[in-house]
C-alpha cells in the first residue's frame, strides 16, 4: 500500500502521486507488486505512481522500506507540494486583482454571477493555501521530532 498526501495532484487534478517502496528484483527491475515471483528482492527504492523513482537502493528490511518512503516524500512529494502552493499564490493574487477590477461594476446585476464565481475561487484558494501552511507546519514539527 502506498502513501497519498492530501492535495498532491497532477496537472489534471488526479492523485497520481502515490508514493511507495518499490522492490528491486535480482535482475534490476523495479516492481510495486507482491507476488510469489517478487518475494525475493535485493532492496527497496523510492517510487511514485507517476513513474518517478529514486536512485538509492535501501536494504530489504522494514527500515529500508521506511527510508524509501521518506526519500519519496522529501525528494518528490514535498517539492511538488511547494510548486502547487506557489501556483495557488499566483492564482490567488490574480483572482483578487480580478475582484478589485470588478468593484466598479457591482451596480450592474449582470456582473453578479461573475463576481460570485471570482469570490468562490478566492475562497477555495485561501482554503487550499491554509492547508499548505498547516502541512508545512506539521512537517517542521515532525522534522524536529526525529
Protein backbone atom coordinates (compact mmCIF):
# COMPACT_ATOMS: atom_id res chain seq x y z
CA UNK A 1 0.00 0.00 0.00
CA UNK A 2 1.31 3.41 -0.94
CA UNK A 3 1.28 6.83 0.64
CA UNK A 4 -1.01 9.55 -0.67
CA UNK A 5 -0.66 13.12 0.53
CA UNK A 6 -3.86 15.13 0.50
CA UNK A 7 -3.85 17.83 -2.19
CA UNK A 8 -0.89 16.36 -4.09
CA UNK A 9 -2.27 16.03 -7.57
CA UNK A 10 -1.10 16.11 -11.13
CA UNK A 11 -1.93 18.85 -13.62
CA UNK A 12 -5.35 17.28 -14.31
CA UNK A 13 -6.36 17.10 -10.65
CA UNK A 14 -5.82 13.36 -10.17
CA UNK A 15 -3.98 11.85 -7.21
CA UNK A 16 -1.31 10.35 -9.49
CA UNK A 17 1.45 10.81 -6.92
CA UNK A 18 1.14 7.76 -4.70
CA UNK A 19 4.48 7.08 -3.08
CA UNK A 20 5.67 3.58 -2.27
CA UNK A 21 8.76 1.50 -1.70
CA UNK A 22 9.35 -0.42 -4.92
CA UNK A 23 11.21 -3.72 -4.76
CA UNK A 24 14.44 -4.03 -6.71
CA UNK A 25 14.44 -7.53 -8.14
CA UNK A 26 17.66 -9.52 -8.72
CA UNK A 27 17.50 -8.71 -12.46
CA UNK A 28 17.47 -4.96 -11.64
CA UNK A 29 13.82 -4.26 -12.45
CA UNK A 30 11.57 -2.37 -10.06
CA UNK A 31 8.12 -3.54 -9.06
CA UNK A 32 5.42 -2.39 -6.73
CA UNK A 33 3.63 -5.73 -6.66
CA UNK A 34 3.96 -8.51 -4.13
CA UNK A 35 3.71 -11.94 -5.70
CA UNK A 36 5.40 -15.27 -5.32
CA UNK A 37 7.69 -14.26 -8.20
CA UNK A 38 8.72 -10.98 -6.49
CA UNK A 39 9.18 -12.24 -2.94
CA UNK A 40 12.95 -12.45 -3.46
CA UNK A 41 14.34 -8.94 -3.90
CA UNK A 42 17.56 -7.05 -3.32
CA UNK A 43 16.28 -3.81 -1.82
CA UNK A 44 13.73 -1.02 -1.70
CA UNK A 45 13.73 2.05 -3.93
CA UNK A 46 11.58 5.17 -3.52
CA UNK A 47 8.92 5.25 -6.24
CA UNK A 48 5.79 7.10 -7.27
CA UNK A 49 2.68 6.21 -9.23
CA UNK A 50 3.60 8.93 -11.76
CA UNK A 51 6.70 7.00 -12.80
CA UNK A 52 9.33 8.85 -10.73
CA UNK A 53 11.76 6.73 -8.74
CA UNK A 54 14.73 7.44 -6.54
CA UNK A 55 18.32 6.50 -7.22
CA UNK A 56 19.18 4.89 -3.88
CA UNK A 57 18.68 1.22 -3.02
CA UNK A 58 17.81 0.61 0.62
CA UNK A 59 18.18 -2.67 2.49
CA UNK A 60 15.27 -5.12 2.08
CA UNK A 61 14.14 -4.55 5.65
CA UNK A 62 11.31 -2.67 7.31
CA UNK A 63 13.70 0.23 7.91
CA UNK A 64 14.74 0.18 4.25
CA UNK A 65 11.10 0.42 3.25
CA UNK A 66 10.60 3.40 5.58
CA UNK A 67 13.72 5.13 4.23
CA UNK A 68 12.45 4.69 0.66
CA UNK A 69 9.10 6.27 1.56
CA UNK A 70 10.92 9.11 3.33
CA UNK A 71 13.00 9.71 0.19
CA UNK A 72 9.85 9.82 -1.96
CA UNK A 73 8.35 12.36 0.42
CA UNK A 74 11.40 14.63 0.66
CA UNK A 75 12.71 14.46 -2.91
CA UNK A 76 9.49 14.17 -4.90
CA UNK A 77 6.28 14.90 -2.99
CA UNK A 78 7.40 17.93 -0.98
CA UNK A 79 8.89 19.78 -3.97
CA UNK A 80 5.67 19.14 -5.91
CA UNK A 81 3.60 20.44 -3.00
CA UNK A 82 5.77 23.56 -2.80
CA UNK A 83 5.24 24.16 -6.52
CA UNK A 84 1.49 23.74 -6.14
CA UNK A 85 1.46 26.20 -3.24
CA UNK A 86 3.39 28.74 -5.31
CA UNK A 87 0.95 28.32 -8.19
CA UNK A 88 -2.01 28.79 -5.82
CA UNK A 89 -0.47 32.02 -4.50
CA UNK A 90 -0.17 33.35 -8.04
CA UNK A 91 -3.76 32.33 -8.82
CA UNK A 92 -5.00 33.97 -5.60
CA UNK A 93 -3.26 37.24 -6.46
CA UNK A 94 -4.79 37.13 -9.94
CA UNK A 95 -8.28 36.38 -8.58
CA UNK A 96 -8.01 39.21 -6.05
CA UNK A 97 -6.95 41.62 -8.78
CA UNK A 98 -9.94 40.48 -10.85
CA UNK A 99 -12.27 41.11 -7.92
CA UNK A 100 -10.78 44.56 -7.44
CA UNK A 101 -11.30 45.31 -11.11
CA UNK A 102 -14.93 44.27 -10.93
CA UNK A 103 -15.63 46.62 -8.00
CA UNK A 104 -16.59 49.43 -10.35
CA UNK A 105 -19.29 47.27 -11.96
CA UNK A 106 -21.25 45.94 -8.96
CA UNK A 107 -24.21 48.16 -9.81
CA UNK A 108 -24.85 46.04 -12.92
CA UNK A 109 -26.79 42.88 -11.95
CA UNK A 110 -25.37 41.07 -14.99
CA UNK A 111 -21.95 41.10 -13.29
CA UNK A 112 -23.09 39.46 -10.04
CA UNK A 113 -22.62 35.89 -11.31
CA UNK A 114 -19.07 36.68 -12.41
CA UNK A 115 -18.34 38.38 -9.09
CA UNK A 116 -19.73 35.35 -7.24
CA UNK A 117 -17.55 32.93 -9.24
CA UNK A 118 -14.46 35.04 -8.57
CA UNK A 119 -15.29 35.23 -4.84
CA UNK A 120 -15.84 31.44 -4.72
CA UNK A 121 -12.45 30.87 -6.39
CA UNK A 122 -10.77 33.20 -3.88
CA UNK A 123 -12.39 31.31 -1.00
CA UNK A 124 -11.23 27.97 -2.48
CA UNK A 125 -7.67 29.20 -2.98
CA UNK A 126 -7.50 30.64 0.54
CA UNK A 127 -8.59 27.25 1.94
CA UNK A 128 -6.01 25.43 -0.19
CA UNK A 129 -3.24 27.80 0.89
CA UNK A 130 -4.22 27.42 4.55
CA UNK A 131 -3.91 23.63 4.20
CA UNK A 132 -0.50 24.16 2.57
CA UNK A 133 0.63 26.26 5.54
CA UNK A 134 -0.75 23.75 8.04
CA UNK A 135 1.02 20.88 6.23
CA UNK A 136 4.33 22.77 6.28
CA UNK A 137 3.94 23.44 9.99
CA UNK A 138 3.23 19.75 10.67
CA UNK A 139 6.24 18.81 8.54
CA UNK A 140 8.51 21.12 10.53
CA UNK A 141 7.19 19.66 13.78
CA UNK A 142 7.72 16.10 12.53
CA UNK A 143 11.25 17.04 11.45
CA UNK A 144 12.07 18.32 14.94
CA UNK A 145 10.76 15.09 16.49
CA UNK A 146 13.20 12.91 14.52
